[in-house]
Amino acid sequence: MFDQSVTRLRAGVTTDRGGNEVKDWAHPIRELIRDLSVQPTVQDESTGDDRTTVVTGWHVLSAPGTAPDIRADDRIEYDGLTCEVIGEIARWSDPVDGGVHHVEWTMRRATG
């Protein structure tokens, strides 16, 4: 069941002209995340006068005993698509030892 993987994209950091550190999505840090179950959750299409918008979403669960490093501001590559993480990451505690039992998040891709 936990035989899927995604690639986490985390923004690099660069310095702008004012000397401030800002996110650099042109050069993201990539990491393969394994031992996942990726399940479809939503598909929606809306048509306007000048374009069609399609939203596709997935719910992702990590295998028991794993705690992948995913944050709400990460992007995820899955099945050839780049998705955004929606909301916060749920870290479920293990009732026996109090550590992390597994991690869950929702992601979606919107076009249009």
PDB file of N, CA and C in Angstrom:
ATOM      1  N   MET A   1       0.812  -1.191   0.000  1.00  0.00           N
ATOM      2  CA  MET A   1       0.000   0.000   0.000  1.00  0.00           C
ATOM      3  C   MET A   1       0.865   1.269   0.000  1.00  0.00           C
ATOM      4  N   PHE A   2       2.020   1.234   0.609  1.00  0.00           N
ATOM      5  CA  PHE A   2       2.898   2.408   0.699  1.00  0.00           C
ATOM      6  C   PHE A   2       4.068   2.241  -0.268  1.00  0.00           C
ATOM      7  N   ASP A   3       3.726   2.066  -1.547  1.00  0.00           N
ATOM      8  CA  ASP A   3       4.746   1.791  -2.552  1.00  0.00           C
ATOM      9  C   ASP A   3       4.940   2.928  -3.549  1.00  0.00           C
ATOM     10  N   GLN A   4       4.445   4.101  -3.224  1.00  0.00           N
ATOM     11  CA  GLN A   4       4.575   5.244  -4.127  1.00  0.00           C
ATOM     12  C   GLN A   4       5.604   6.230  -3.584  1.00  0.00           C
ATOM     13  N   SER A   5       6.052   7.113  -4.460  1.00  0.00           N
ATOM     14  CA  SER A   5       7.006   8.138  -4.041  1.00  0.00           C
ATOM     15  C   SER A   5       6.683   9.451  -4.737  1.00  0.00           C
ATOM     16  N   VAL A   6       7.164  10.533  -4.165  1.00  0.00           N
ATOM     17  CA  VAL A   6       7.036  11.875  -4.728  1.00  0.00           C
ATOM     18  C   VAL A   6       8.397  12.551  -4.574  1.00  0.00           C
ATOM     19  N   THR A   7       8.577  13.658  -5.265  1.00  0.00           N
ATOM     20  CA  THR A   7       9.777  14.458  -5.083  1.00  0.00           C
ATOM     21  C   THR A   7       9.370  15.762  -4.414  1.00  0.00           C
ATOM     22  N   ARG A   8       9.959  16.015  -3.248  1.00  0.00           N
ATOM     23  CA  ARG A   8       9.695  17.264  -2.542  1.00  0.00           C
ATOM     24  C   ARG A   8      10.579  18.354  -3.126  1.00  0.00           C
ATOM     25  N   LEU A   9       9.985  19.506  -3.413  1.00  0.00           N
ATOM     26  CA  LEU A   9      10.723  20.678  -3.865  1.00  0.00           C
ATOM     27  C   LEU A   9      10.641  21.726  -2.765  1.00  0.00           C
ATOM     28  N   ARG A  10      11.776  22.149  -2.281  1.00  0.00           N
ATOM     29  CA  ARG A  10      11.824  23.194  -1.257  1.00  0.00           C
ATOM     30  C   ARG A  10      12.598  24.367  -1.832  1.00  0.00           C
ATOM     31  N   ALA A  11      12.041  25.541  -1.689  1.00  0.00           N
ATOM     32  CA  ALA A  11      12.678  26.733  -2.251  1.00  0.00           C
ATOM     33  C   ALA A  11      14.075  26.907  -1.673  1.00  0.00           C
ATOM     34  N   GLY A  12      15.015  27.228  -2.570  1.00  0.00           N
ATOM     35  CA  GLY A  12      16.329  27.623  -2.108  1.00  0.00           C
ATOM     36  C   GLY A  12      16.239  29.036  -1.553  1.00  0.00           C
ATOM     37  N   VAL A  13      17.362  29.589  -1.177  1.00  0.00           N
ATOM     38  CA  VAL A  13      17.390  30.941  -0.629  1.00  0.00           C
ATOM     39  C   VAL A  13      18.384  31.766  -1.426  1.00  0.00           C
ATOM     40  N   THR A  14      17.985  32.981  -1.746  1.00  0.00           N
ATOM     41  CA  THR A  14      18.876  33.917  -2.425  1.00  0.00           C
ATOM     42  C   THR A  14      18.749  35.267  -1.730  1.00  0.00           C
ATOM     43  N   THR A  15      19.630  36.171  -2.041  1.00  0.00           N
ATOM     44  CA  THR A  15      19.604  37.504  -1.444  1.00  0.00           C
ATOM     45  C   THR A  15      19.158  38.509  -2.504  1.00  0.00           C
ATOM     46  N   ASP A  16      18.151  39.327  -2.168  1.00  0.00           N
ATOM     47  CA  ASP A  16      17.687  40.330  -3.119  1.00  0.00           C
ATOM     48  C   ASP A  16      18.567  41.583  -3.062  1.00  0.00           C
ATOM     49  N   ARG A  17      18.237  42.568  -3.889  1.00  0.00           N
ATOM     50  CA  ARG A  17      19.052  43.785  -3.962  1.00  0.00           C
ATOM     51  C   ARG A  17      19.106  44.545  -2.648  1.00  0.00           C
ATOM     52  N   GLY A  18      18.105  44.361  -1.805  1.00  0.00           N
ATOM     53  CA  GLY A  18      18.084  45.044  -0.512  1.00  0.00           C
ATOM     54  C   GLY A  18      18.817  44.293   0.584  1.00  0.00           C
ATOM     55  N   GLY A  19      19.420  43.153   0.230  1.00  0.00           N
ATOM     56  CA  GLY A  19      20.145  42.363   1.223  1.00  0.00           C
ATOM     57  C   GLY A  19      19.278  41.408   2.021  1.00  0.00           C
ATOM     58  N   ASN A  20      18.023  41.231   1.615  1.00  0.00           N
ATOM     59  CA  ASN A  20      17.103  40.333   2.311  1.00  0.00           C
ATOM     60  C   ASN A  20      17.161  38.936   1.715  1.00  0.00           C
ATOM     61  N   GLU A  21      17.048  37.932   2.565  1.00  0.00           N
ATOM     62  CA  GLU A  21      16.961  36.561   2.074  1.00  0.00           C
ATOM     63  C   GLU A  21      15.537  36.298   1.604  1.00  0.00           C
ATOM     64  N   VAL A  22      15.401  35.782   0.381  1.00  0.00           N
ATOM     65  CA  VAL A  22      14.095  35.491  -0.196  1.00  0.00           C
ATOM     66  C   VAL A  22      14.113  34.086  -0.799  1.00  0.00           C
ATOM     67  N   LYS A  23      12.921  33.505  -0.950  1.00  0.00           N
ATOM     68  CA  LYS A  23      12.810  32.174  -1.545  1.00  0.00           C
ATOM     69  C   LYS A  23      13.227  32.206  -3.003  1.00  0.00           C
ATOM     70  N   ASP A  24      13.918  31.158  -3.418  1.00  0.00           N
ATOM     71  CA  ASP A  24      14.404  31.045  -4.798  1.00  0.00           C
ATOM     72  C   ASP A  24      13.841  29.764  -5.409  1.00  0.00           C
ATOM     73  N   TRP A  25      12.672  29.887  -6.079  1.00  0.00           N
ATOM     74  CA  TRP A  25      12.056  28.720  -6.694  1.00  0.00           C
ATOM     75  C   TRP A  25      12.730  28.360  -8.010  1.00  0.00           C
ATOM     76  N   ALA A  26      13.621  29.190  -8.504  1.00  0.00           N
ATOM     77  CA  ALA A  26      14.349  28.859  -9.728  1.00  0.00           C
ATOM     78  C   ALA A  26      15.350  27.736  -9.494  1.00  0.00           C
ATOM     79  N   HIS A  27      15.770  27.557  -8.254  1.00  0.00           N
ATOM     80  CA  HIS A  27      16.755  26.532  -7.901  1.00  0.00           C
ATOM     81  C   HIS A  27      16.301  25.787  -6.640  1.00  0.00           C
ATOM     82  N   PRO A  28      15.189  25.033  -6.724  1.00  0.00           N
ATOM     83  CA  PRO A  28      14.691  24.346  -5.529  1.00  0.00           C
ATOM     84  C   PRO A  28      15.598  23.192  -5.115  1.00  0.00           C
ATOM     85  N   ILE A  29      15.528  22.870  -3.829  1.00  0.00           N
ATOM     86  CA  ILE A  29      16.221  21.706  -3.277  1.00  0.00           C
ATOM     87  C   ILE A  29      15.271  20.524  -3.444  1.00  0.00           C
ATOM     88  N   ARG A  30      15.741  19.467  -4.102  1.00  0.00           N
ATOM     89  CA  ARG A  30      14.897  18.320  -4.437  1.00  0.00           C
ATOM     90  C   ARG A  30      15.243  17.133  -3.533  1.00  0.00           C
ATOM     91  N   GLU A  31      14.214  16.427  -3.066  1.00  0.00           N
ATOM     92  CA  GLU A  31      14.432  15.213  -2.276  1.00  0.00           C
ATOM     93  C   GLU A  31      13.338  14.204  -2.594  1.00  0.00           C
ATOM     94  N   LEU A  32      13.742  12.973  -2.896  1.00  0.00           N
ATOM     95  CA  LEU A  32      12.799  11.894  -3.152  1.00  0.00           C
ATOM     96  C   LEU A  32      12.236  11.407  -1.822  1.00  0.00           C
ATOM     97  N   ILE A  33      10.911  11.347  -1.722  1.00  0.00           N
ATOM     98  CA  ILE A  33      10.224  10.859  -0.519  1.00  0.00           C
ATOM     99  C   ILE A  33       9.535   9.556  -0.893  1.00  0.00           C
ATOM    100  N   ARG A  34       9.906   8.482  -0.224  1.00  0.00           N
ATOM    101  CA  ARG A  34       9.383   7.136  -0.523  1.00  0.00           C
ATOM    102  C   ARG A  34       8.402   6.660   0.537  1.00  0.00           C
ATOM    103  N   ASP A  35       7.890   5.463   0.311  1.00  0.00           N
ATOM    104  CA  ASP A  35       7.000   4.775   1.255  1.00  0.00           C
ATOM    105  C   ASP A  35       5.724   5.565   1.529  1.00  0.00           C
ATOM    106  N   LEU A  36       5.049   5.953   0.440  1.00  0.00           N
ATOM    107  CA  LEU A  36       3.835   6.745   0.547  1.00  0.00           C
ATOM    108  C   LEU A  36       2.657   6.040  -0.108  1.00  0.00           C
ATOM    109  N   SER A  37       1.472   6.439   0.284  1.00  0.00           N
ATOM    110  CA  SER A  37       0.230   6.084  -0.398  1.00  0.00           C
ATOM    111  C   SER A  37      -0.383   7.393  -0.865  1.00  0.00           C
ATOM    112  N   VAL A  38      -0.536   7.558  -2.178  1.00  0.00           N
ATOM    113  CA  VAL A  38      -1.072   8.782  -2.777  1.00  0.00           C
ATOM    114  C   VAL A  38      -2.446   8.448  -3.352  1.00  0.00           C
ATOM    115  N   GLN A  39      -3.483   9.086  -2.797  1.00  0.00           N
ATOM    116  CA  GLN A  39      -4.859   8.769  -3.176  1.00  0.00           C
ATOM    117  C   GLN A  39      -5.554   9.993  -3.753  1.00  0.00           C
ATOM    118  N   PRO A  40      -6.257   9.860  -4.883  1.00  0.00           N
ATOM    119  CA  PRO A  40      -6.984  11.006  -5.433  1.00  0.00           C
ATOM    120  C   PRO A  40      -8.109  11.438  -4.500  1.00  0.00           C
ATOM    121  N   THR A  41      -8.315  12.759  -4.406  1.00  0.00           N
ATOM    122  CA  THR A  41      -9.377  13.263  -3.533  1.00  0.00           C
ATOM    123  C   THR A  41     -10.373  14.149  -4.250  1.00  0.00           C
ATOM    124  N   VAL A  42      -9.911  14.954  -5.220  1.00  0.00           N
ATOM    125  CA  VAL A  42     -10.825  15.896  -5.847  1.00  0.00           C
ATOM    126  C   VAL A  42     -10.425  16.127  -7.299  1.00  0.00           C
ATOM    127  N   GLN A  43     -11.423  16.253  -8.117  1.00  0.00           N
ATOM    128  CA  GLN A  43     -11.231  16.720  -9.486  1.00  0.00           C
ATOM    129  C   GLN A  43     -12.386  17.652  -9.770  1.00  0.00           C
ATOM    130  N   ASP A  44     -12.054  18.853 -10.191  1.00  0.00           N
ATOM    131  CA  ASP A  44     -13.081  19.853 -10.442  1.00  0.00           C
ATOM    132  C   ASP A  44     -12.710  20.641 -11.685  1.00  0.00           C
ATOM    133  N   GLU A  45     -13.689  20.919 -12.493  1.00  0.00           N
ATOM    134  CA  GLU A  45     -13.460  21.698 -13.701  1.00  0.00           C
ATOM    135  C   GLU A  45     -14.518  22.781 -13.774  1.00  0.00           C
ATOM    136  N   SER A  46     -14.074  24.021 -13.995  1.00  0.00           N
ATOM    137  CA  SER A  46     -15.019  25.111 -14.172  1.00  0.00           C
ATOM    138  C   SER A  46     -14.681  25.855 -15.456  1.00  0.00           C
ATOM    139  N   THR A  47     -15.718  26.233 -16.162  1.00  0.00           N
ATOM    140  CA  THR A  47     -15.532  26.881 -17.453  1.00  0.00           C
ATOM    141  C   THR A  47     -16.025  28.311 -17.371  1.00  0.00           C
ATOM    142  N   GLY A  48     -15.163  29.235 -17.757  1.00  0.00           N
ATOM    143  CA  GLY A  48     -15.540  30.647 -17.836  1.00  0.00           C
ATOM    144  C   GLY A  48     -15.607  31.076 -19.279  1.00  0.00           C
ATOM    145  N   ASP A  49     -15.783  32.356 -19.483  1.00  0.00           N
ATOM    146  CA  ASP A  49     -15.886  32.879 -20.846  1.00  0.00           C
ATOM    147  C   ASP A  49     -14.598  32.706 -21.639  1.00  0.00           C
ATOM    148  N   ASP A  50     -13.448  32.809 -20.949  1.00  0.00           N
ATOM    149  CA  ASP A  50     -12.192  32.790 -21.695  1.00  0.00           C
ATOM    150  C   ASP A  50     -11.245  31.653 -21.329  1.00  0.00           C
ATOM    151  N   ARG A  51     -11.600  30.811 -20.349  1.00  0.00           N
ATOM    152  CA  ARG A  51     -10.710  29.702 -20.012  1.00  0.00           C
ATOM    153  C   ARG A  51     -11.423  28.647 -19.181  1.00  0.00           C
ATOM    154  N   THR A  52     -10.811  27.470 -19.138  1.00  0.00           N
ATOM    155  CA  THR A  52     -11.289  26.368 -18.315  1.00  0.00           C
ATOM    156  C   THR A  52     -10.275  26.119 -17.221  1.00  0.00           C
ATOM    157  N   THR A  53     -10.733  26.036 -15.978  1.00  0.00           N
ATOM    158  CA  THR A  53      -9.860  25.768 -14.850  1.00  0.00           C
ATOM    159  C   THR A  53     -10.096  24.345 -14.368  1.00  0.00           C
ATOM    160  N   VAL A  54      -9.013  23.602 -14.186  1.00  0.00           N
ATOM    161  CA  VAL A  54      -9.096  22.234 -13.704  1.00  0.00           C
ATOM    162  C   VAL A  54      -8.291  22.139 -12.408  1.00  0.00           C
ATOM    163  N   VAL A  55      -8.907  21.620 -11.353  1.00  0.00           N
ATOM    164  CA  VAL A  55      -8.231  21.424 -10.074  1.00  0.00           C
ATOM    165  C   VAL A  55      -8.245  19.937  -9.773  1.00  0.00           C
ATOM    166  N   THR A  56      -7.076  19.379  -9.513  1.00  0.00           N
ATOM    167  CA  THR A  56      -6.939  17.971  -9.163  1.00  0.00           C
ATOM    168  C   THR A  56      -6.214  17.889  -7.826  1.00  0.00           C
ATOM    169  N   GLY A  57      -6.669  17.021  -6.928  1.00  0.00           N
ATOM    170  CA  GLY A  57      -6.052  16.929  -5.611  1.00  0.00           C
ATOM    171  C   GLY A  57      -5.808  15.497  -5.180  1.00  0.00           C
ATOM    172  N   TRP A  58      -4.866  15.341  -4.238  1.00  0.00           N
ATOM    173  CA  TRP A  58      -4.504  14.040  -3.684  1.00  0.00           C
ATOM    174  C   TRP A  58      -4.301  14.156  -2.182  1.00  0.00           C
ATOM    175  N   HIS A  59      -4.576  13.067  -1.486  1.00  0.00           N
ATOM    176  CA  HIS A  59      -4.275  12.948  -0.060  1.00  0.00           C
ATOM    177  C   HIS A  59      -3.112  11.965   0.051  1.00  0.00           C
ATOM    178  N   VAL A  60      -2.075  12.345   0.781  1.00  0.00           N
ATOM    179  CA  VAL A  60      -0.862  11.541   0.861  1.00  0.00           C
ATOM    180  C   VAL A  60      -0.650  11.077   2.301  1.00  0.00           C
ATOM    181  N   LEU A  61      -0.383   9.780   2.470  1.00  0.00           N
ATOM    182  CA  LEU A  61      -0.093   9.204   3.784  1.00  0.00           C
ATOM    183  C   LEU A  61       1.271   8.534   3.730  1.00  0.00           C
ATOM    184  N   SER A  62       2.075   8.740   4.761  1.00  0.00           N
ATOM    185  CA  SER A  62       3.355   8.037   4.840  1.00  0.00           C
ATOM    186  C   SER A  62       3.146   6.708   5.555  1.00  0.00           C
ATOM    187  N   ALA A  63       4.035   5.786   5.312  1.00  0.00           N
ATOM    188  CA  ALA A  63       3.954   4.467   5.940  1.00  0.00           C
ATOM    189  C   ALA A  63       4.108   4.595   7.462  1.00  0.00           C
ATOM    190  N   PRO A  64       3.472   3.711   8.214  1.00  0.00           N
ATOM    191  CA  PRO A  64       3.651   3.739   9.664  1.00  0.00           C
ATOM    192  C   PRO A  64       5.134   3.674  10.034  1.00  0.00           C
ATOM    193  N   GLY A  65       5.505   4.494  11.010  1.00  0.00           N
ATOM    194  CA  GLY A  65       6.887   4.533  11.462  1.00  0.00           C
ATOM    195  C   GLY A  65       7.760   5.492  10.682  1.00  0.00           C
ATOM    196  N   THR A  66       7.178   6.221   9.708  1.00  0.00           N
ATOM    197  CA  THR A  66       7.965   7.175   8.920  1.00  0.00           C
ATOM    198  C   THR A  66       7.464   8.600   9.177  1.00  0.00           C
ATOM    199  N   ALA A  67       8.350   9.557   9.044  1.00  0.00           N
ATOM    200  CA  ALA A  67       8.008  10.962   9.259  1.00  0.00           C
ATOM    201  C   ALA A  67       8.751  11.818   8.234  1.00  0.00           C
ATOM    202  N   PRO A  68       8.323  11.788   6.961  1.00  0.00           N
ATOM    203  CA  PRO A  68       9.021  12.569   5.949  1.00  0.00           C
ATOM    204  C   PRO A  68       8.981  14.064   6.266  1.00  0.00           C
ATOM    205  N   ASP A  69      10.041  14.749   5.867  1.00  0.00           N
ATOM    206  CA  ASP A  69      10.184  16.178   6.106  1.00  0.00           C
ATOM    207  C   ASP A  69       9.435  16.942   5.018  1.00  0.00           C
ATOM    208  N   ILE A  70       8.159  17.248   5.290  1.00  0.00           N
ATOM    209  CA  ILE A  70       7.304  18.002   4.377  1.00  0.00           C
ATOM    210  C   ILE A  70       6.791  19.214   5.145  1.00  0.00           C
ATOM    211  N   ARG A  71       6.793  20.377   4.482  1.00  0.00           N
ATOM    212  CA  ARG A  71       6.271  21.604   5.094  1.00  0.00           C
ATOM    213  C   ARG A  71       5.171  22.188   4.203  1.00  0.00           C
ATOM    214  N   ALA A  72       4.352  23.041   4.776  1.00  0.00           N
ATOM    215  CA  ALA A  72       3.230  23.640   4.048  1.00  0.00           C
ATOM    216  C   ALA A  72       3.691  24.489   2.872  1.00  0.00           C
ATOM    217  N   ASP A  73       4.920  25.010   2.909  1.00  0.00           N
ATOM    218  CA  ASP A  73       5.390  25.858   1.809  1.00  0.00           C
ATOM    219  C   ASP A  73       6.194  25.089   0.763  1.00  0.00           C
ATOM    220  N   ASP A  74       6.241  23.771   0.867  1.00  0.00           N
ATOM    221  CA  ASP A  74       6.916  22.947  -0.136  1.00  0.00           C
ATOM    222  C   ASP A  74       6.029  22.778  -1.364  1.00  0.00           C
ATOM    223  N   ARG A  75       6.644  22.356  -2.437  1.00  0.00           N
ATOM    224  CA  ARG A  75       5.933  21.899  -3.628  1.00  0.00           C
ATOM    225  C   ARG A  75       6.271  20.427  -3.815  1.00  0.00           C
ATOM    226  N   ILE A  76       5.395  19.708  -4.494  1.00  0.00           N
ATOM    227  CA  ILE A  76       5.556  18.265  -4.657  1.00  0.00           C
ATOM    228  C   ILE A  76       5.431  17.917  -6.130  1.00  0.00           C
ATOM    229  N   GLU A  77       6.378  17.123  -6.644  1.00  0.00           N
ATOM    230  CA  GLU A  77       6.256  16.571  -7.990  1.00  0.00           C
ATOM    231  C   GLU A  77       5.698  15.160  -7.867  1.00  0.00           C
ATOM    232  N   TYR A  78       4.618  14.910  -8.604  1.00  0.00           N
ATOM    233  CA  TYR A  78       3.984  13.598  -8.584  1.00  0.00           C
ATOM    234  C   TYR A  78       3.392  13.318  -9.959  1.00  0.00           C
ATOM    235  N   ASP A  79       3.716  12.189 -10.500  1.00  0.00           N
ATOM    236  CA  ASP A  79       3.140  11.732 -11.762  1.00  0.00           C
ATOM    237  C   ASP A  79       3.313  12.771 -12.876  1.00  0.00           C
ATOM    238  N   GLY A  80       4.479  13.409 -12.891  1.00  0.00           N
ATOM    239  CA  GLY A  80       4.777  14.389 -13.925  1.00  0.00           C
ATOM    240  C   GLY A  80       4.174  15.769 -13.697  1.00  0.00           C
ATOM    241  N   LEU A  81       3.518  15.974 -12.562  1.00  0.00           N
ATOM    242  CA  LEU A  81       2.865  17.248 -12.244  1.00  0.00           C
ATOM    243  C   LEU A  81       3.544  17.915 -11.053  1.00  0.00           C
ATOM    244  N   THR A  82       3.543  19.231 -11.020  1.00  0.00           N
ATOM    245  CA  THR A  82       4.021  19.959  -9.850  1.00  0.00           C
ATOM    246  C   THR A  82       2.805  20.443  -9.079  1.00  0.00           C
ATOM    247  N   CYS A  83       2.748  20.076  -7.798  1.00  0.00           N
ATOM    248  CA  CYS A  83       1.589  20.378  -6.950  1.00  0.00           C
ATOM    249  C   CYS A  83       2.011  21.261  -5.783  1.00  0.00           C
ATOM    250  N   GLU A  84       1.023  21.926  -5.201  1.00  0.00           N
ATOM    251  CA  GLU A  84       1.268  22.699  -3.990  1.00  0.00           C
ATOM    252  C   GLU A  84       0.671  21.957  -2.800  1.00  0.00           C
ATOM    253  N   VAL A  85       1.337  22.063  -1.658  1.00  0.00           N
ATOM    254  CA  VAL A  85       0.823  21.484  -0.422  1.00  0.00           C
ATOM    255  C   VAL A  85      -0.274  22.413   0.086  1.00  0.00           C
ATOM    256  N   ILE A  86      -1.395  21.838   0.486  1.00  0.00           N
ATOM    257  CA  ILE A  86      -2.545  22.607   0.954  1.00  0.00           C
ATOM    258  C   ILE A  86      -2.668  22.452   2.466  1.00  0.00           C
ATOM    259  N   GLY A  87      -2.635  23.550   3.171  1.00  0.00           N
ATOM    260  CA  GLY A  87      -2.801  23.507   4.626  1.00  0.00           C
ATOM    261  C   GLY A  87      -1.560  23.000   5.338  1.00  0.00           C
ATOM    262  N   GLU A  88      -1.743  22.687   6.588  1.00  0.00           N
ATOM    263  CA  GLU A  88      -0.638  22.203   7.415  1.00  0.00           C
ATOM    264  C   GLU A  88      -0.459  20.689   7.268  1.00  0.00           C
ATOM    265  N   ILE A  89       0.685  20.221   7.680  1.00  0.00           N
ATOM    266  CA  ILE A  89       1.019  18.799   7.632  1.00  0.00           C
ATOM    267  C   ILE A  89       0.539  18.156   8.941  1.00  0.00           C
ATOM    268  N   ALA A  90      -0.166  17.042   8.831  1.00  0.00           N
ATOM    269  CA  ALA A  90      -0.645  16.324  10.023  1.00  0.00           C
ATOM    270  C   ALA A  90       0.394  15.283  10.419  1.00  0.00           C
ATOM    271  N   ARG A  91       0.904  15.394  11.617  1.00  0.00           N
ATOM    272  CA  ARG A  91       1.865  14.429  12.164  1.00  0.00           C
ATOM    273  C   ARG A  91       1.157  13.669  13.289  1.00  0.00           C
ATOM    274  N   TRP A  92       0.816  12.417  12.991  1.00  0.00           N
ATOM    275  CA  TRP A  92       0.057  11.596  13.926  1.00  0.00           C
ATOM    276  C   TRP A  92       1.002  10.909  14.899  1.00  0.00           C
ATOM    277  N   SER A  93       0.698  11.020  16.181  1.00  0.00           N
ATOM    278  CA  SER A  93       1.582  10.439  17.196  1.00  0.00           C
ATOM    279  C   SER A  93       1.306   8.957  17.390  1.00  0.00           C
ATOM    280  N   ASP A  94       2.362   8.251  17.750  1.00  0.00           N
ATOM    281  CA  ASP A  94       2.274   6.826  18.046  1.00  0.00           C
ATOM    282  C   ASP A  94       1.738   6.674  19.472  1.00  0.00           C
ATOM    283  N   PRO A  95       0.646   5.933  19.670  1.00  0.00           N
ATOM    284  CA  PRO A  95       0.067   5.816  21.008  1.00  0.00           C
ATOM    285  C   PRO A  95       0.951   5.041  21.985  1.00  0.00           C
ATOM    286  N   VAL A  96       1.907   4.291  21.469  1.00  0.00           N
ATOM    287  CA  VAL A  96       2.758   3.488  22.349  1.00  0.00           C
ATOM    288  C   VAL A  96       3.966   4.278  22.841  1.00  0.00           C
ATOM    289  N   ASP A  97       4.717   4.875  21.900  1.00  0.00           N
ATOM    290  CA  ASP A  97       5.956   5.543  22.325  1.00  0.00           C
ATOM    291  C   ASP A  97       5.903   7.068  22.235  1.00  0.00           C
ATOM    292  N   GLY A  98       4.807   7.636  21.708  1.00  0.00           N
ATOM    293  CA  GLY A  98       4.668   9.085  21.645  1.00  0.00           C
ATOM    294  C   GLY A  98       5.386   9.743  20.487  1.00  0.00           C
ATOM    295  N   GLY A  99       6.158   8.978  19.717  1.00  0.00           N
ATOM    296  CA  GLY A  99       6.830   9.530  18.541  1.00  0.00           C
ATOM    297  C   GLY A  99       5.836   9.707  17.402  1.00  0.00           C
ATOM    298  N   VAL A 100       6.336  10.015  16.231  1.00  0.00           N
ATOM    299  CA  VAL A 100       5.463  10.177  15.069  1.00  0.00           C
ATOM    300  C   VAL A 100       5.111   8.799  14.504  1.00  0.00           C
ATOM    301  N   HIS A 101       3.830   8.513  14.370  1.00  0.00           N
ATOM    302  CA  HIS A 101       3.379   7.253  13.772  1.00  0.00           C
ATOM    303  C   HIS A 101       3.408   7.347  12.247  1.00  0.00           C
ATOM    304  N   HIS A 102       2.839   8.434  11.705  1.00  0.00           N
ATOM    305  CA  HIS A 102       2.861   8.677  10.269  1.00  0.00           C
ATOM    306  C   HIS A 102       2.519  10.138  10.014  1.00  0.00           C
ATOM    307  N   VAL A 103       2.660  10.544   8.765  1.00  0.00           N
ATOM    308  CA  VAL A 103       2.424  11.924   8.361  1.00  0.00           C
ATOM    309  C   VAL A 103       1.406  11.924   7.222  1.00  0.00           C
ATOM    310  N   GLU A 104       0.530  12.941   7.190  1.00  0.00           N
ATOM    311  CA  GLU A 104      -0.455  13.082   6.123  1.00  0.00           C
ATOM    312  C   GLU A 104      -0.474  14.524   5.636  1.00  0.00           C
ATOM    313  N   TRP A 105      -0.723  14.683   4.334  1.00  0.00           N
ATOM    314  CA  TRP A 105      -0.935  16.026   3.788  1.00  0.00           C
ATOM    315  C   TRP A 105      -1.803  15.930   2.551  1.00  0.00           C
ATOM    316  N   THR A 106      -2.316  17.087   2.151  1.00  0.00           N
ATOM    317  CA  THR A 106      -3.117  17.211   0.948  1.00  0.00           C
ATOM    318  C   THR A 106      -2.357  18.081  -0.039  1.00  0.00           C
ATOM    319  N   MET A 107      -2.437  17.725  -1.297  1.00  0.00           N
ATOM    320  CA  MET A 107      -1.787  18.531  -2.325  1.00  0.00           C
ATOM    321  C   MET A 107      -2.731  18.647  -3.509  1.00  0.00           C
ATOM    322  N   ARG A 108      -2.509  19.704  -4.311  1.00  0.00           N
ATOM    323  CA  ARG A 108      -3.355  19.886  -5.479  1.00  0.00           C
ATOM    324  C   ARG A 108      -2.582  20.569  -6.590  1.00  0.00           C
ATOM    325  N   ARG A 109      -3.104  20.382  -7.776  1.00  0.00           N
ATOM    326  CA  ARG A 109      -2.564  21.063  -8.952  1.00  0.00           C
ATOM    327  C   ARG A 109      -3.707  21.793  -9.610  1.00  0.00           C
ATOM    328  N   ALA A 110      -3.523  23.053  -9.875  1.00  0.00           N
ATOM    329  CA  ALA A 110      -4.545  23.844 -10.538  1.00  0.00           C
ATOM    330  C   ALA A 110      -3.987  24.378 -11.847  1.00  0.00           C
ATOM    331  N   THR A 111      -4.763  24.283 -12.899  1.00  0.00           N
ATOM    332  CA  THR A 111      -4.375  24.851 -14.185  1.00  0.00           C
ATOM    333  C   THR A 111      -5.486  25.773 -14.659  1.00  0.00           C
ATOM    334  N   GLY A 112      -5.148  26.669 -15.512  1.00  0.00           N
ATOM    335  CA  GLY A 112      -6.204  27.502 -16.051  1.00  0.00           C
ATOM    336  C   GLY A 112      -5.817  28.936 -16.191  1.00  0.00           C
TER     337      GLY A 112
END
